């Protein structure tokens, strides 16, 4: 029998081959665990960086919105002040005109009392006719 076909050698070689296969599987399992752990750590690092970027983006967006809100509020305040000024000017003008008309009417009544009474009677008569209908 040749040396390679000896049942003991074949058994030893099969045993040795089985041991090497087990060690190779153990090494592959260890490599898988190491790769899994590395991927897990990398994923956590990337997720943390993503969270930081999202937080920064939210902060920037909040600040931009706040600045825009302040700008719009300031524009609205300025516009309100402008309209307030216009309204006060119109009210002042109308008030002074009303005062002028009142003074002119009082002067007319003092200067022409009979005409004033006649005009008042005529206006009252016309209003009476209009409201009866």
Protein backbone atom coordinates (compact mmCIF):
# COMPACT_ATOMS: atom_id res chain seq x y z
CA UNK A 1 0.00 0.00 0.00
CA UNK A 2 1.31 3.42 -0.85
CA UNK A 3 1.97 5.92 1.89
CA UNK A 4 -0.86 8.23 0.84
CA UNK A 5 -3.47 5.52 1.15
CA UNK A 6 -2.67 4.46 4.69
CA UNK A 7 -5.93 4.56 6.69
CA UNK A 8 -4.18 6.25 9.62
CA UNK A 9 -2.75 8.99 7.48
CA UNK A 10 -6.07 9.45 5.76
CA UNK A 11 -7.76 9.72 9.18
CA UNK A 12 -5.14 12.17 10.38
CA UNK A 13 -5.45 14.25 7.22
CA UNK A 14 -9.26 14.25 7.50
CA UNK A 15 -8.97 15.23 11.17
CA UNK A 16 -6.44 17.91 10.36
CA UNK A 17 -8.63 19.12 7.51
CA UNK A 18 -11.64 19.25 9.85
CA UNK A 19 -9.63 21.24 12.43
CA UNK A 20 -8.47 23.69 9.76
CA UNK A 21 -12.05 24.02 8.44
CA UNK A 22 -13.31 24.72 12.00
CA UNK A 23 -10.57 27.28 12.54
CA UNK A 24 -11.36 28.87 9.16
CA UNK A 25 -15.07 29.06 10.13
CA UNK A 26 -14.16 30.51 13.52
CA UNK A 27 -11.91 33.08 11.80
CA UNK A 28 -14.70 33.91 9.31
CA UNK A 29 -17.19 34.29 12.17
CA UNK A 30 -14.75 36.54 14.03
CA UNK A 31 -14.21 38.54 10.84
CA UNK A 32 -17.98 38.85 10.41
CA UNK A 33 -18.34 40.08 14.02
CA UNK A 34 -15.50 42.55 13.50
CA UNK A 35 -17.01 43.80 10.25
CA UNK A 36 -20.45 44.01 11.88
CA UNK A 37 -19.03 45.97 14.81
CA UNK A 38 -17.11 48.28 12.47
CA UNK A 39 -20.24 48.87 10.38
CA UNK A 40 -22.25 49.49 13.55
CA UNK A 41 -19.68 52.00 14.83
CA UNK A 42 -19.47 53.72 11.45
CA UNK A 43 -23.26 53.85 11.22
CA UNK A 44 -23.50 55.39 14.69
CA UNK A 45 -20.85 57.95 13.77
CA UNK A 46 -22.62 58.84 10.53
CA UNK A 47 -25.99 59.04 12.29
CA UNK A 48 -24.54 61.34 14.95
CA UNK A 49 -23.04 63.57 12.26
CA UNK A 50 -26.41 63.57 10.48
CA UNK A 51 -28.16 64.59 13.71
CA UNK A 52 -25.68 67.42 14.21
CA UNK A 53 -26.24 68.67 10.65
CA UNK A 54 -30.02 68.46 11.02
CA UNK A 55 -29.85 70.32 14.33
CA UNK A 56 -27.69 73.01 12.74
CA UNK A 57 -30.05 73.22 9.75
CA UNK A 58 -33.08 73.55 12.05
CA UNK A 59 -31.30 76.27 14.04
CA UNK A 60 -30.36 78.15 10.86
CA UNK A 61 -33.90 77.85 9.54
CA UNK A 62 -35.30 79.08 12.85
CA UNK A 63 -32.94 82.06 12.86
CA UNK A 64 -33.80 82.87 9.23
CA UNK A 65 -37.53 82.66 9.98
CA UNK A 66 -37.09 84.83 13.05
CA UNK A 67 -35.14 87.41 11.06
CA UNK A 68 -37.77 87.40 8.31
CA UNK A 69 -40.54 87.71 10.91
CA UNK A 70 -38.73 90.66 12.49
CA UNK A 71 -38.28 92.26 9.08
CA UNK A 72 -41.97 91.82 8.22
CA UNK A 73 -43.01 93.08 11.65
CA UNK A 74 -40.80 96.17 11.22
CA UNK A 75 -42.25 96.83 7.75
CA UNK A 76 -45.79 96.48 9.14
CA UNK A 77 -44.96 98.84 12.02
CA UNK A 78 -43.50 101.41 9.61
CA UNK A 79 -46.56 101.12 7.35
CA UNK A 80 -48.89 101.50 10.35
CA UNK A 81 -47.01 104.61 11.45
CA UNK A 82 -47.27 106.00 7.93
CA UNK A 83 -51.05 105.39 7.80
CA UNK A 84 -51.44 106.77 11.31
CA UNK A 85 -49.68 109.95 10.22
CA UNK A 86 -51.89 110.22 7.14
CA UNK A 87 -55.04 109.62 9.18
CA UNK A 88 -54.03 112.26 11.72
CA UNK A 89 -53.34 114.75 8.91
CA UNK A 90 -56.72 114.04 7.26
CA UNK A 91 -58.50 114.24 10.62
CA UNK A 92 -56.73 117.50 11.44
CA UNK A 93 -57.63 118.94 8.03
CA UNK A 94 -61.28 117.80 8.32
CA UNK A 95 -61.44 119.14 11.87
CA UNK A 96 -60.09 122.54 10.85
CA UNK A 97 -62.51 122.70 7.88
CA UNK A 98 -65.43 121.77 10.13
CA UNK A 99 -64.39 124.47 12.59
CA UNK A 100 -64.12 126.98 9.71
CA UNK A 101 -67.60 126.04 8.42
CA UNK A 102 -69.02 126.28 11.92
CA UNK A 103 -67.50 129.75 12.39
CA UNK A 104 -68.77 130.91 8.98
CA UNK A 105 -72.26 129.55 9.78
CA UNK A 106 -72.31 131.29 13.16
CA UNK A 107 -71.18 134.53 11.53
CA UNK A 108 -73.92 134.19 8.85
CA UNK A 109 -76.58 133.57 11.52
CA UNK A 110 -75.44 136.63 13.55
CA UNK A 111 -75.37 138.82 10.45
CA UNK A 112 -78.64 137.51 8.92
CA UNK A 113 -80.92 136.10 11.64
CA UNK A 114 -84.15 136.28 9.55
CA UNK A 115 -82.57 134.54 6.56
CA UNK A 116 -81.20 131.83 8.89
CA UNK A 117 -84.64 131.19 10.41
CA UNK A 118 -86.20 131.13 6.91
CA UNK A 119 -83.61 128.63 5.64
CA UNK A 120 -84.11 126.44 8.74
CA UNK A 121 -87.92 126.49 8.20
CA UNK A 122 -87.48 125.60 4.50
CA UNK A 123 -85.11 122.72 5.23
CA UNK A 124 -87.40 121.44 8.00
CA UNK A 125 -90.42 121.60 5.67
CA UNK A 126 -88.58 119.64 2.92
CA UNK A 127 -87.39 117.01 5.41
CA UNK A 128 -90.93 116.67 6.74
CA UNK A 129 -92.27 116.00 3.22
CA UNK A 130 -89.49 113.49 2.46
CA UNK A 131 -89.99 111.54 5.71
CA UNK A 132 -93.82 111.38 5.36
CA UNK A 133 -93.55 109.35 2.20
